[in-house]
């Protein structure tokens, strides 16, 4: 099972997250200098030197700095694809990233008890994988929580979907990390300050969960 954690904001955090296979980073820029958990290129180099984990760098495909990608050499480019209905925009995103030759981690997707849209758009996932996505992150709300749990029949559809795609999932994990939730390729833990959103985790919580990995 692949375990991904991030955004990591220091070499110290990277060392504490040594159980992760992939860590993500978010570079600060002029437009968003105070973005949550954003780092400088200097900190990126320190993180790279402090971990054996692969590094996934968040990018905007339509304003990507190719020289920066070449210089930092991340293992993955992490981005949230636009909706498949926006065909021209999605095509531009794919065309911008493809020449870089760096595999992707696609984010920004979810399945919820009252929102099963993704289950009817497998062609979108197939297109992303064929174009260069190594992993697709999907937020589950929820396969395990006693409240708002996804119906059993829909849960079976989800398990069928993630078994056929390279999916990393997150859910309302509280005590431990599952071995392979819904047959997925792995798990991701999205870090937020104090667990700001329901599907984000404070760094201390993520470290505790990582220690339960089997």
N, C-alpha and C. Protein backbone atom coordinates (compact mmCIF):
# COMPACT_ATOMS: atom_id res chain seq x y z
N UNK A 1 0.83 -1.20 0.00
CA UNK A 1 0.00 0.00 0.00
C UNK A 1 0.87 1.25 0.00
N UNK A 2 0.59 2.16 -0.89
CA UNK A 2 1.30 3.44 -0.96
C UNK A 2 0.71 4.39 0.08
N UNK A 3 1.58 5.09 0.79
CA UNK A 3 1.14 6.10 1.75
C UNK A 3 1.71 7.45 1.34
N UNK A 4 0.83 8.42 1.15
CA UNK A 4 1.22 9.77 0.74
C UNK A 4 0.77 10.76 1.81
N UNK A 5 1.63 11.72 2.13
CA UNK A 5 1.34 12.70 3.16
C UNK A 5 1.80 14.08 2.68
N UNK A 6 1.02 15.10 2.97
CA UNK A 6 1.47 16.44 2.64
C UNK A 6 0.33 17.44 2.64
N UNK A 7 0.63 18.71 2.39
CA UNK A 7 1.94 19.26 2.05
C UNK A 7 2.88 19.33 3.27
N UNK A 8 4.10 18.88 3.06
CA UNK A 8 5.15 18.96 4.07
C UNK A 8 5.80 20.34 3.97
N UNK A 9 6.11 20.94 5.12
CA UNK A 9 6.63 22.31 5.07
C UNK A 9 8.03 22.49 5.65
N UNK A 10 8.68 21.40 6.05
CA UNK A 10 10.04 21.55 6.58
C UNK A 10 10.76 20.21 6.51
N UNK A 11 12.09 20.28 6.59
CA UNK A 11 12.88 19.06 6.64
C UNK A 11 12.57 18.26 7.90
N UNK A 12 12.28 18.96 8.99
CA UNK A 12 11.93 18.28 10.23
C UNK A 12 10.66 17.46 10.06
N UNK A 13 9.64 18.05 9.42
CA UNK A 13 8.41 17.29 9.17
C UNK A 13 8.69 16.11 8.26
N UNK A 14 9.52 16.31 7.25
CA UNK A 14 9.82 15.22 6.33
C UNK A 14 10.45 14.05 7.06
N UNK A 15 11.34 14.34 8.01
CA UNK A 15 11.97 13.26 8.78
C UNK A 15 10.94 12.57 9.68
N UNK A 16 10.03 13.34 10.26
CA UNK A 16 9.00 12.75 11.12
C UNK A 16 8.00 11.92 10.32
N UNK A 17 7.88 12.23 9.03
CA UNK A 17 6.96 11.49 8.15
C UNK A 17 7.69 10.38 7.41
N UNK A 18 8.70 9.81 8.04
CA UNK A 18 9.55 8.83 7.36
C UNK A 18 8.81 7.56 6.96
N UNK A 19 7.61 7.35 7.48
CA UNK A 19 6.84 6.18 7.06
C UNK A 19 6.13 6.37 5.74
N UNK A 20 6.16 7.58 5.20
CA UNK A 20 5.46 7.86 3.95
C UNK A 20 6.29 7.43 2.74
N UNK A 21 5.61 6.95 1.72
CA UNK A 21 6.27 6.62 0.45
C UNK A 21 6.39 7.84 -0.45
N UNK A 22 5.40 8.72 -0.34
CA UNK A 22 5.36 9.95 -1.14
C UNK A 22 5.00 11.10 -0.21
N UNK A 23 5.72 12.21 -0.34
CA UNK A 23 5.33 13.42 0.37
C UNK A 23 5.08 14.51 -0.66
N UNK A 24 4.08 15.33 -0.41
CA UNK A 24 3.79 16.43 -1.33
C UNK A 24 4.30 17.73 -0.75
N UNK A 25 4.59 18.68 -1.66
CA UNK A 25 5.03 20.00 -1.25
C UNK A 25 4.27 21.04 -2.07
N UNK A 26 4.16 22.22 -1.48
CA UNK A 26 3.47 23.34 -2.13
C UNK A 26 4.42 24.54 -2.11
N UNK A 27 4.87 24.96 -3.27
CA UNK A 27 5.79 26.08 -3.35
C UNK A 27 5.03 27.40 -3.24
N UNK A 28 5.61 28.33 -2.49
CA UNK A 28 5.04 29.67 -2.43
C UNK A 28 5.35 30.41 -3.72
N UNK A 29 4.51 31.38 -4.07
CA UNK A 29 4.77 32.19 -5.25
C UNK A 29 4.32 33.62 -4.99
N UNK A 30 4.60 34.50 -5.94
CA UNK A 30 4.28 35.91 -5.74
C UNK A 30 2.78 36.13 -5.58
N UNK A 31 1.99 35.32 -6.28
CA UNK A 31 0.55 35.51 -6.20
C UNK A 31 -0.05 34.99 -4.91
N UNK A 32 0.60 33.99 -4.30
CA UNK A 32 0.08 33.40 -3.06
C UNK A 32 1.24 33.17 -2.08
N UNK A 33 1.89 34.25 -1.63
CA UNK A 33 3.07 34.08 -0.79
C UNK A 33 2.76 33.48 0.57
N UNK A 34 1.51 33.58 1.02
CA UNK A 34 1.16 33.09 2.36
C UNK A 34 0.26 31.85 2.30
N UNK A 35 0.29 31.14 1.19
CA UNK A 35 -0.53 29.94 1.06
C UNK A 35 -0.20 28.97 2.19
N UNK A 36 -1.22 28.30 2.69
CA UNK A 36 -1.03 27.40 3.82
C UNK A 36 0.00 26.32 3.50
N UNK A 37 0.97 26.18 4.42
CA UNK A 37 2.01 25.16 4.33
C UNK A 37 2.88 25.31 3.08
N UNK A 38 2.96 26.51 2.52
CA UNK A 38 3.81 26.74 1.35
C UNK A 38 5.27 26.88 1.77
N UNK A 39 6.18 26.52 0.87
CA UNK A 39 7.61 26.54 1.16
C UNK A 39 8.36 27.25 0.04
N UNK A 40 9.61 27.58 0.32
CA UNK A 40 10.50 28.16 -0.68
C UNK A 40 11.29 27.05 -1.36
N UNK A 41 11.97 27.41 -2.43
CA UNK A 41 12.81 26.42 -3.11
C UNK A 41 13.97 25.98 -2.22
N UNK A 42 14.42 26.86 -1.34
CA UNK A 42 15.48 26.48 -0.41
C UNK A 42 15.00 25.38 0.53
N UNK A 43 13.79 25.56 1.06
CA UNK A 43 13.22 24.52 1.93
C UNK A 43 12.99 23.24 1.16
N UNK A 44 12.58 23.36 -0.10
CA UNK A 44 12.40 22.17 -0.94
C UNK A 44 13.69 21.36 -0.98
N UNK A 45 14.81 22.04 -1.21
CA UNK A 45 16.10 21.34 -1.28
C UNK A 45 16.42 20.66 0.05
N UNK A 46 16.09 21.32 1.15
CA UNK A 46 16.33 20.73 2.47
C UNK A 46 15.46 19.50 2.68
N UNK A 47 14.21 19.58 2.24
CA UNK A 47 13.32 18.42 2.35
C UNK A 47 13.83 17.27 1.50
N UNK A 48 14.23 17.56 0.29
CA UNK A 48 14.74 16.52 -0.61
C UNK A 48 15.94 15.81 0.01
N UNK A 49 16.80 16.56 0.67
CA UNK A 49 18.00 15.98 1.26
C UNK A 49 17.71 15.18 2.52
N UNK A 50 16.54 15.38 3.11
CA UNK A 50 16.25 14.77 4.41
C UNK A 50 15.36 13.53 4.33
N UNK A 51 14.93 13.15 3.14
CA UNK A 51 13.97 12.04 3.03
C UNK A 51 14.30 11.14 1.86
N UNK A 52 13.93 9.88 2.00
CA UNK A 52 14.02 8.93 0.89
C UNK A 52 12.70 8.81 0.16
N UNK A 53 11.67 9.48 0.66
CA UNK A 53 10.36 9.41 0.02
C UNK A 53 10.38 10.13 -1.32
N UNK A 54 9.50 9.70 -2.22
CA UNK A 54 9.32 10.43 -3.46
C UNK A 54 8.61 11.75 -3.15
N UNK A 55 8.84 12.75 -4.00
CA UNK A 55 8.26 14.07 -3.77
C UNK A 55 7.30 14.43 -4.90
N UNK A 56 6.11 14.84 -4.49
CA UNK A 56 5.09 15.32 -5.42
C UNK A 56 4.95 16.83 -5.23
N UNK A 57 5.11 17.58 -6.31
CA UNK A 57 5.06 19.04 -6.24
C UNK A 57 3.76 19.56 -6.85
N UNK A 58 3.02 20.33 -6.07
CA UNK A 58 1.77 20.91 -6.57
C UNK A 58 2.07 21.94 -7.66
N UNK A 59 1.30 21.89 -8.74
CA UNK A 59 1.50 22.83 -9.85
C UNK A 59 0.15 23.27 -10.41
N UNK A 60 0.19 24.41 -11.09
CA UNK A 60 -0.91 24.85 -11.93
C UNK A 60 -0.50 24.57 -13.36
N UNK A 61 -1.15 23.65 -14.05
CA UNK A 61 -0.68 23.25 -15.38
C UNK A 61 -0.64 24.37 -16.40
N UNK A 62 -1.45 25.41 -16.21
CA UNK A 62 -1.51 26.49 -17.20
C UNK A 62 -0.53 27.63 -16.91
N UNK A 63 0.18 27.55 -15.79
CA UNK A 63 1.19 28.56 -15.50
C UNK A 63 2.46 27.91 -14.95
N UNK A 64 2.73 26.72 -15.41
CA UNK A 64 3.85 25.95 -14.87
C UNK A 64 5.18 26.52 -15.35
N UNK A 65 6.14 26.53 -14.45
CA UNK A 65 7.50 27.00 -14.75
C UNK A 65 8.34 25.78 -15.10
N UNK A 66 8.56 25.56 -16.37
CA UNK A 66 9.26 24.36 -16.80
C UNK A 66 10.71 24.34 -16.31
N UNK A 67 11.35 25.50 -16.30
CA UNK A 67 12.73 25.54 -15.80
C UNK A 67 12.78 25.14 -14.33
N UNK A 68 11.79 25.58 -13.56
CA UNK A 68 11.75 25.22 -12.14
C UNK A 68 11.55 23.73 -11.96
N UNK A 69 10.68 23.14 -12.75
CA UNK A 69 10.46 21.69 -12.69
C UNK A 69 11.75 20.96 -13.01
N UNK A 70 12.45 21.39 -14.03
CA UNK A 70 13.72 20.75 -14.40
C UNK A 70 14.74 20.88 -13.27
N UNK A 71 14.77 22.04 -12.63
CA UNK A 71 15.77 22.28 -11.58
C UNK A 71 15.46 21.49 -10.31
N UNK A 72 14.20 21.44 -9.92
CA UNK A 72 13.85 20.76 -8.67
C UNK A 72 13.67 19.26 -8.85
N UNK A 73 13.34 18.83 -10.05
CA UNK A 73 13.22 17.41 -10.39
C UNK A 73 12.31 16.64 -9.43
N UNK A 74 11.06 17.06 -9.26
CA UNK A 74 10.14 16.27 -8.43
C UNK A 74 9.84 14.93 -9.08
N UNK A 75 9.42 13.99 -8.27
CA UNK A 75 9.06 12.67 -8.81
C UNK A 75 7.68 12.68 -9.44
N UNK A 76 6.81 13.58 -8.95
CA UNK A 76 5.45 13.71 -9.49
C UNK A 76 5.08 15.19 -9.56
N UNK A 77 4.18 15.50 -10.49
CA UNK A 77 3.52 16.80 -10.52
C UNK A 77 2.08 16.59 -10.06
N UNK A 78 1.65 17.39 -9.11
CA UNK A 78 0.34 17.20 -8.48
C UNK A 78 -0.59 18.35 -8.88
N UNK A 79 -1.75 18.00 -9.40
CA UNK A 79 -2.65 19.05 -9.88
C UNK A 79 -4.08 18.55 -9.89
N UNK A 80 -5.02 19.50 -9.89
CA UNK A 80 -6.45 19.17 -9.89
C UNK A 80 -7.01 19.41 -11.29
N UNK A 81 -7.30 18.36 -12.04
CA UNK A 81 -7.83 18.53 -13.40
C UNK A 81 -9.18 19.23 -13.38
N UNK A 82 -9.44 19.99 -14.42
CA UNK A 82 -10.75 20.59 -14.56
C UNK A 82 -11.79 19.53 -14.87
N UNK A 83 -13.05 19.88 -14.77
CA UNK A 83 -14.13 18.93 -15.05
C UNK A 83 -14.07 18.46 -16.51
N UNK A 84 -14.42 17.21 -16.76
CA UNK A 84 -14.33 16.68 -18.13
C UNK A 84 -15.22 17.40 -19.13
N UNK A 85 -16.29 18.04 -18.64
CA UNK A 85 -17.17 18.78 -19.54
C UNK A 85 -16.48 19.98 -20.17
N UNK A 86 -15.46 20.50 -19.51
CA UNK A 86 -14.70 21.63 -20.04
C UNK A 86 -13.58 21.08 -20.93
N UNK A 87 -13.97 20.56 -22.06
CA UNK A 87 -13.06 19.78 -22.90
C UNK A 87 -11.86 20.58 -23.38
N UNK A 88 -12.07 21.82 -23.80
CA UNK A 88 -10.96 22.62 -24.31
C UNK A 88 -9.96 22.94 -23.21
N UNK A 89 -10.46 23.31 -22.03
CA UNK A 89 -9.57 23.63 -20.92
C UNK A 89 -8.79 22.41 -20.47
N UNK A 90 -9.46 21.27 -20.36
CA UNK A 90 -8.78 20.05 -19.96
C UNK A 90 -7.71 19.67 -20.97
N UNK A 91 -8.00 19.82 -22.24
CA UNK A 91 -7.02 19.52 -23.29
C UNK A 91 -5.79 20.41 -23.16
N UNK A 92 -6.01 21.68 -22.82
CA UNK A 92 -4.88 22.60 -22.63
C UNK A 92 -4.04 22.19 -21.43
N UNK A 93 -4.68 21.77 -20.36
CA UNK A 93 -3.94 21.32 -19.18
C UNK A 93 -3.08 20.11 -19.51
N UNK A 94 -3.67 19.14 -20.17
CA UNK A 94 -2.93 17.93 -20.53
C UNK A 94 -1.78 18.25 -21.47
N UNK A 95 -2.02 19.11 -22.44
CA UNK A 95 -0.99 19.46 -23.42
C UNK A 95 0.17 20.21 -22.76
N UNK A 96 -0.12 20.97 -21.71
CA UNK A 96 0.93 21.71 -21.02
C UNK A 96 1.84 20.79 -20.21
N UNK A 97 1.27 19.76 -19.61
CA UNK A 97 2.04 18.88 -18.73
C UNK A 97 2.74 17.74 -19.46
N UNK A 98 2.14 17.23 -20.51
CA UNK A 98 2.66 16.04 -21.17
C UNK A 98 4.13 16.16 -21.59
N UNK A 99 4.58 17.28 -22.16
CA UNK A 99 5.97 17.35 -22.63
C UNK A 99 7.01 17.30 -21.52
N UNK A 100 6.61 17.51 -20.27
CA UNK A 100 7.57 17.54 -19.17
C UNK A 100 8.09 16.15 -18.82
N UNK A 101 7.33 15.12 -19.14
CA UNK A 101 7.79 13.76 -18.88
C UNK A 101 7.82 13.36 -17.42
N UNK A 102 7.08 14.07 -16.57
CA UNK A 102 7.00 13.75 -15.14
C UNK A 102 5.62 13.19 -14.85
N UNK A 103 5.52 12.03 -14.21
CA UNK A 103 4.19 11.47 -13.92
C UNK A 103 3.40 12.37 -12.98
N UNK A 104 2.09 12.19 -12.99
CA UNK A 104 1.20 13.08 -12.24
C UNK A 104 0.50 12.36 -11.10
N UNK A 105 0.10 13.16 -10.13
CA UNK A 105 -0.89 12.75 -9.15
C UNK A 105 -2.06 13.72 -9.30
N UNK A 106 -3.21 13.20 -9.69
CA UNK A 106 -4.39 14.04 -9.93
C UNK A 106 -5.24 14.11 -8.67
N UNK A 107 -5.62 15.32 -8.29
CA UNK A 107 -6.33 15.56 -7.04
C UNK A 107 -7.69 16.19 -7.30
N UNK A 108 -8.37 16.55 -6.21
CA UNK A 108 -9.62 17.29 -6.32
C UNK A 108 -10.84 16.45 -6.66
N UNK A 109 -10.80 15.15 -6.39
CA UNK A 109 -11.94 14.29 -6.70
C UNK A 109 -12.49 13.68 -5.41
N UNK A 110 -13.78 13.41 -5.42
CA UNK A 110 -14.40 12.88 -4.22
C UNK A 110 -15.63 12.05 -4.57
N UNK A 111 -15.99 11.21 -3.60
CA UNK A 111 -17.25 10.46 -3.65
C UNK A 111 -17.89 10.61 -2.28
N UNK A 112 -19.16 10.99 -2.26
CA UNK A 112 -19.88 11.16 -1.01
C UNK A 112 -21.22 10.45 -1.09
N UNK A 113 -21.80 10.24 0.06
CA UNK A 113 -23.10 9.56 0.12
C UNK A 113 -24.12 10.21 -0.81
N UNK A 114 -24.08 11.55 -0.89
CA UNK A 114 -25.04 12.28 -1.72
C UNK A 114 -24.41 12.86 -2.99
N UNK A 115 -23.23 12.38 -3.35
CA UNK A 115 -22.55 12.89 -4.55
C UNK A 115 -21.71 11.76 -5.15
N UNK A 116 -22.32 11.02 -6.06
CA UNK A 116 -21.67 9.86 -6.68
C UNK A 116 -21.30 10.13 -8.14
N UNK A 117 -21.16 11.40 -8.48
CA UNK A 117 -20.88 11.83 -9.84
C UNK A 117 -19.71 11.07 -10.46
N UNK A 118 -18.65 10.91 -9.68
CA UNK A 118 -17.42 10.33 -10.22
C UNK A 118 -17.63 8.90 -10.72
N UNK A 119 -18.56 8.17 -10.11
CA UNK A 119 -18.78 6.78 -10.50
C UNK A 119 -19.30 6.66 -11.93
N UNK A 120 -19.87 7.72 -12.44
CA UNK A 120 -20.40 7.70 -13.81
C UNK A 120 -19.46 8.37 -14.81
N UNK A 121 -18.22 8.62 -14.38
CA UNK A 121 -17.27 9.30 -15.26
C UNK A 121 -15.93 8.55 -15.30
N UNK A 122 -16.02 7.24 -15.47
CA UNK A 122 -14.80 6.45 -15.56
C UNK A 122 -13.95 6.85 -16.76
N UNK A 123 -14.59 7.29 -17.83
CA UNK A 123 -13.84 7.69 -19.02
C UNK A 123 -12.89 8.84 -18.70
N UNK A 124 -13.30 9.71 -17.79
CA UNK A 124 -12.44 10.82 -17.36
C UNK A 124 -11.19 10.28 -16.67
N UNK A 125 -11.37 9.32 -15.78
CA UNK A 125 -10.22 8.73 -15.10
C UNK A 125 -9.32 8.01 -16.08
N UNK A 126 -9.91 7.28 -17.01
CA UNK A 126 -9.12 6.57 -18.01
C UNK A 126 -8.28 7.54 -18.83
N UNK A 127 -8.87 8.66 -19.19
CA UNK A 127 -8.13 9.65 -19.98
C UNK A 127 -6.94 10.19 -19.20
N UNK A 128 -7.14 10.46 -17.93
CA UNK A 128 -6.05 10.98 -17.11
C UNK A 128 -4.92 9.97 -16.97
N UNK A 129 -5.27 8.72 -16.74
CA UNK A 129 -4.25 7.68 -16.60
C UNK A 129 -3.49 7.49 -17.91
N UNK A 130 -4.20 7.44 -19.00
CA UNK A 130 -3.56 7.27 -20.30
C UNK A 130 -2.65 8.44 -20.65
N UNK A 131 -3.00 9.63 -20.15
CA UNK A 131 -2.22 10.82 -20.48
C UNK A 131 -0.99 11.00 -19.59
N UNK A 132 -0.97 10.34 -18.41
CA UNK A 132 0.22 10.46 -17.58
C UNK A 132 0.01 10.42 -16.09
N UNK A 133 -1.22 10.19 -15.62
CA UNK A 133 -1.48 10.13 -14.18
C UNK A 133 -0.98 8.81 -13.60
N UNK A 134 -0.10 8.91 -12.60
CA UNK A 134 0.36 7.70 -11.91
C UNK A 134 -0.59 7.32 -10.79
N UNK A 135 -1.16 8.34 -10.12
CA UNK A 135 -2.15 8.10 -9.08
C UNK A 135 -3.28 9.12 -9.22
N UNK A 136 -4.47 8.73 -8.75
CA UNK A 136 -5.62 9.62 -8.68
C UNK A 136 -6.11 9.61 -7.24
N UNK A 137 -6.18 10.78 -6.63
CA UNK A 137 -6.65 10.88 -5.25
C UNK A 137 -8.16 11.06 -5.22
N UNK A 138 -8.81 10.28 -4.36
CA UNK A 138 -10.26 10.39 -4.21
C UNK A 138 -10.60 10.46 -2.72
N UNK A 139 -11.35 11.49 -2.36
CA UNK A 139 -11.82 11.66 -0.99
C UNK A 139 -13.12 10.89 -0.81
N UNK A 140 -13.17 10.04 0.20
CA UNK A 140 -14.36 9.22 0.48
C UNK A 140 -15.10 9.79 1.69
N UNK A 141 -16.38 10.08 1.50
CA UNK A 141 -17.16 10.64 2.61
C UNK A 141 -18.51 9.91 2.71
N UNK A 142 -18.55 8.77 3.31
CA UNK A 142 -17.45 8.06 3.92
C UNK A 142 -17.73 6.57 3.79
N UNK A 143 -16.66 5.80 3.75
CA UNK A 143 -16.81 4.34 3.75
C UNK A 143 -16.72 3.76 5.15
N UNK A 144 -16.30 4.58 6.12
CA UNK A 144 -16.06 4.04 7.46
C UNK A 144 -16.79 4.80 8.57
N UNK A 145 -17.12 6.06 8.36
CA UNK A 145 -17.75 6.85 9.42
C UNK A 145 -19.16 6.36 9.70
N UNK A 146 -19.57 6.30 10.97
CA UNK A 146 -20.93 5.84 11.28
C UNK A 146 -22.01 6.80 10.79
N UNK A 147 -21.66 8.08 10.65
CA UNK A 147 -22.59 9.08 10.13
C UNK A 147 -22.23 9.37 8.67
N UNK A 148 -23.25 9.50 7.84
CA UNK A 148 -23.05 9.79 6.41
C UNK A 148 -22.30 8.66 5.69
N UNK A 149 -22.42 7.45 6.19
CA UNK A 149 -21.75 6.34 5.51
C UNK A 149 -22.41 6.07 4.17
N UNK A 150 -21.59 5.83 3.17
CA UNK A 150 -22.08 5.53 1.83
C UNK A 150 -22.84 4.21 1.85
N UNK A 151 -23.96 4.15 1.15
CA UNK A 151 -24.79 2.95 1.13
C UNK A 151 -24.00 1.75 0.61
N UNK A 152 -24.29 0.54 1.13
CA UNK A 152 -23.53 -0.65 0.74
C UNK A 152 -23.47 -0.89 -0.76
N UNK A 153 -24.59 -0.70 -1.45
CA UNK A 153 -24.58 -0.90 -2.90
C UNK A 153 -23.65 0.06 -3.61
N UNK A 154 -23.65 1.32 -3.19
CA UNK A 154 -22.75 2.31 -3.78
C UNK A 154 -21.31 2.04 -3.38
N UNK A 155 -21.11 1.53 -2.16
CA UNK A 155 -19.76 1.19 -1.72
C UNK A 155 -19.16 0.10 -2.60
N UNK A 156 -19.99 -0.85 -3.03
CA UNK A 156 -19.50 -1.89 -3.93
C UNK A 156 -19.09 -1.30 -5.27
N UNK A 157 -19.83 -0.33 -5.76
CA UNK A 157 -19.46 0.35 -7.01
C UNK A 157 -18.14 1.09 -6.85
N UNK A 158 -17.95 1.70 -5.70
CA UNK A 158 -16.69 2.40 -5.44
C UNK A 158 -15.53 1.42 -5.42
N UNK A 159 -15.71 0.30 -4.74
CA UNK A 159 -14.65 -0.70 -4.67
C UNK A 159 -14.30 -1.22 -6.05
N UNK A 160 -15.30 -1.39 -6.89
CA UNK A 160 -15.04 -1.83 -8.26
C UNK A 160 -14.24 -0.78 -9.02
N UNK A 161 -14.59 0.49 -8.82
CA UNK A 161 -13.89 1.57 -9.51
C UNK A 161 -12.43 1.66 -9.10
N UNK A 162 -12.19 1.73 -7.79
CA UNK A 162 -10.82 1.95 -7.34
C UNK A 162 -9.93 0.73 -7.56
N UNK A 163 -10.53 -0.43 -7.70
CA UNK A 163 -9.73 -1.62 -7.99
C UNK A 163 -9.19 -1.61 -9.41
N UNK A 164 -9.81 -0.81 -10.27
CA UNK A 164 -9.40 -0.78 -11.68
C UNK A 164 -8.59 0.45 -12.05
N UNK A 165 -8.36 1.33 -11.09
CA UNK A 165 -7.57 2.53 -11.33
C UNK A 165 -6.55 2.70 -10.20
N UNK A 166 -5.45 3.41 -10.46
CA UNK A 166 -4.42 3.61 -9.42
C UNK A 166 -4.84 4.70 -8.43
N UNK A 167 -5.74 4.35 -7.53
CA UNK A 167 -6.38 5.33 -6.66
C UNK A 167 -5.73 5.36 -5.28
N UNK A 168 -5.51 6.57 -4.78
CA UNK A 168 -5.18 6.81 -3.38
C UNK A 168 -6.42 7.42 -2.74
N UNK A 169 -6.82 6.90 -1.59
CA UNK A 169 -8.04 7.38 -0.96
C UNK A 169 -7.74 8.03 0.38
N UNK A 170 -8.63 8.90 0.79
CA UNK A 170 -8.64 9.38 2.17
C UNK A 170 -10.06 9.26 2.69
N UNK A 171 -10.17 9.15 4.00
CA UNK A 171 -11.48 9.01 4.64
C UNK A 171 -11.33 9.55 6.06
N UNK A 172 -12.34 9.39 6.85
CA UNK A 172 -12.30 9.92 8.21
C UNK A 172 -11.53 9.03 9.15
N UNK A 173 -10.27 8.75 8.84
CA UNK A 173 -9.45 7.89 9.68
C UNK A 173 -9.25 8.54 11.05
N UNK A 174 -9.42 7.75 12.09
CA UNK A 174 -9.27 8.29 13.44
C UNK A 174 -8.30 7.50 14.30
N UNK A 175 -8.26 6.19 14.13
CA UNK A 175 -7.43 5.37 15.02
C UNK A 175 -6.30 4.65 14.30
N UNK A 176 -6.50 4.29 13.04
CA UNK A 176 -5.46 3.54 12.32
C UNK A 176 -5.69 3.68 10.83
N UNK A 177 -4.67 3.28 10.07
CA UNK A 177 -4.77 3.27 8.62
C UNK A 177 -5.11 1.87 8.15
N UNK A 178 -6.08 1.72 7.26
CA UNK A 178 -6.42 0.40 6.73
C UNK A 178 -5.32 -0.11 5.82
N UNK A 179 -5.29 -1.41 5.63
CA UNK A 179 -4.27 -2.00 4.75
C UNK A 179 -4.50 -1.57 3.31
N UNK A 180 -5.71 -1.69 2.84
CA UNK A 180 -6.02 -1.32 1.45
C UNK A 180 -7.50 -1.00 1.35
N UNK A 181 -7.89 0.22 1.71
CA UNK A 181 -9.32 0.55 1.72
C UNK A 181 -9.94 0.42 0.35
N UNK A 182 -11.01 -0.32 0.27
CA UNK A 182 -11.76 -0.50 -0.97
C UNK A 182 -10.89 -1.02 -2.11
N UNK A 183 -9.82 -1.73 -1.78
CA UNK A 183 -8.95 -2.27 -2.82
C UNK A 183 -8.09 -1.24 -3.51
N UNK A 184 -7.92 -0.07 -2.90
CA UNK A 184 -7.18 1.03 -3.52
C UNK A 184 -5.68 0.76 -3.50
N UNK A 185 -4.96 1.54 -4.32
CA UNK A 185 -3.50 1.43 -4.36
C UNK A 185 -2.86 1.95 -3.09
N UNK A 186 -3.56 2.82 -2.38
CA UNK A 186 -2.99 3.37 -1.17
C UNK A 186 -3.86 4.42 -0.53
N UNK A 187 -3.24 5.15 0.40
CA UNK A 187 -3.93 6.14 1.23
C UNK A 187 -3.17 7.46 1.15
N UNK A 188 -3.90 8.56 1.21
CA UNK A 188 -3.23 9.85 1.36
C UNK A 188 -3.81 10.59 2.55
N UNK A 189 -2.95 11.32 3.22
CA UNK A 189 -3.33 12.15 4.36
C UNK A 189 -3.04 13.59 4.00
N UNK A 190 -4.09 14.38 3.80
CA UNK A 190 -3.94 15.79 3.44
C UNK A 190 -3.80 16.60 4.72
N UNK A 191 -2.70 17.31 4.84
CA UNK A 191 -2.42 18.06 6.05
C UNK A 191 -3.07 19.43 6.01
N UNK A 192 -3.64 19.83 7.13
CA UNK A 192 -4.21 21.17 7.28
C UNK A 192 -3.96 21.64 8.69
N UNK A 193 -3.92 22.93 8.86
CA UNK A 193 -3.63 23.47 10.18
C UNK A 193 -4.74 23.10 11.15
N UNK A 194 -4.39 22.26 12.10
CA UNK A 194 -5.38 21.83 13.09
C UNK A 194 -6.48 20.97 12.53
N UNK A 195 -6.24 20.36 11.35
CA UNK A 195 -7.29 19.59 10.72
C UNK A 195 -8.45 20.50 10.36
N UNK A 196 -8.15 21.56 9.59
CA UNK A 196 -9.11 22.63 9.34
C UNK A 196 -10.39 22.15 8.66
N UNK A 197 -10.29 21.16 7.79
CA UNK A 197 -11.48 20.62 7.13
C UNK A 197 -11.67 19.18 7.58
N UNK A 198 -12.87 18.61 7.40
CA UNK A 198 -13.12 17.25 7.87
C UNK A 198 -12.15 16.22 7.31
N UNK A 199 -11.71 16.39 6.07
CA UNK A 199 -10.81 15.41 5.47
C UNK A 199 -9.37 15.90 5.43
N UNK A 200 -9.02 16.81 6.33
CA UNK A 200 -7.62 17.16 6.52
C UNK A 200 -7.20 16.75 7.92
N UNK A 201 -5.90 16.60 8.08
CA UNK A 201 -5.37 16.08 9.34
C UNK A 201 -4.30 17.03 9.87
N UNK A 202 -4.33 17.29 11.16
CA UNK A 202 -3.21 17.98 11.78
C UNK A 202 -1.97 17.11 11.63
N UNK A 203 -0.80 17.73 11.55
CA UNK A 203 0.41 16.95 11.33
C UNK A 203 0.61 15.91 12.43
N UNK A 204 0.35 16.28 13.67
CA UNK A 204 0.52 15.33 14.78
C UNK A 204 -0.40 14.13 14.63
N UNK A 205 -1.62 14.36 14.14
CA UNK A 205 -2.55 13.25 13.90
C UNK A 205 -2.05 12.35 12.79
N UNK A 206 -1.53 12.96 11.73
CA UNK A 206 -1.00 12.17 10.61
C UNK A 206 0.16 11.29 11.06
N UNK A 207 1.04 11.84 11.88
CA UNK A 207 2.17 11.05 12.38
C UNK A 207 1.67 9.88 13.20
N UNK A 208 0.68 10.13 14.05
CA UNK A 208 0.12 9.03 14.86
C UNK A 208 -0.49 7.95 13.98
N UNK A 209 -1.22 8.36 12.95
CA UNK A 209 -1.82 7.38 12.04
C UNK A 209 -0.76 6.61 11.28
N UNK A 210 0.30 7.29 10.87
CA UNK A 210 1.36 6.61 10.13
C UNK A 210 2.00 5.51 10.96
N UNK A 211 2.05 5.70 12.25
CA UNK A 211 2.66 4.70 13.13
C UNK A 211 1.84 3.43 13.21
N UNK A 212 0.57 3.49 12.78
CA UNK A 212 -0.28 2.30 12.80
C UNK A 212 -0.18 1.52 11.50
N UNK A 213 0.59 2.03 10.56
CA UNK A 213 0.66 1.38 9.24
C UNK A 213 1.21 -0.03 9.39
N UNK A 214 0.54 -0.95 8.68
CA UNK A 214 0.95 -2.35 8.74
C UNK A 214 1.54 -2.77 7.42
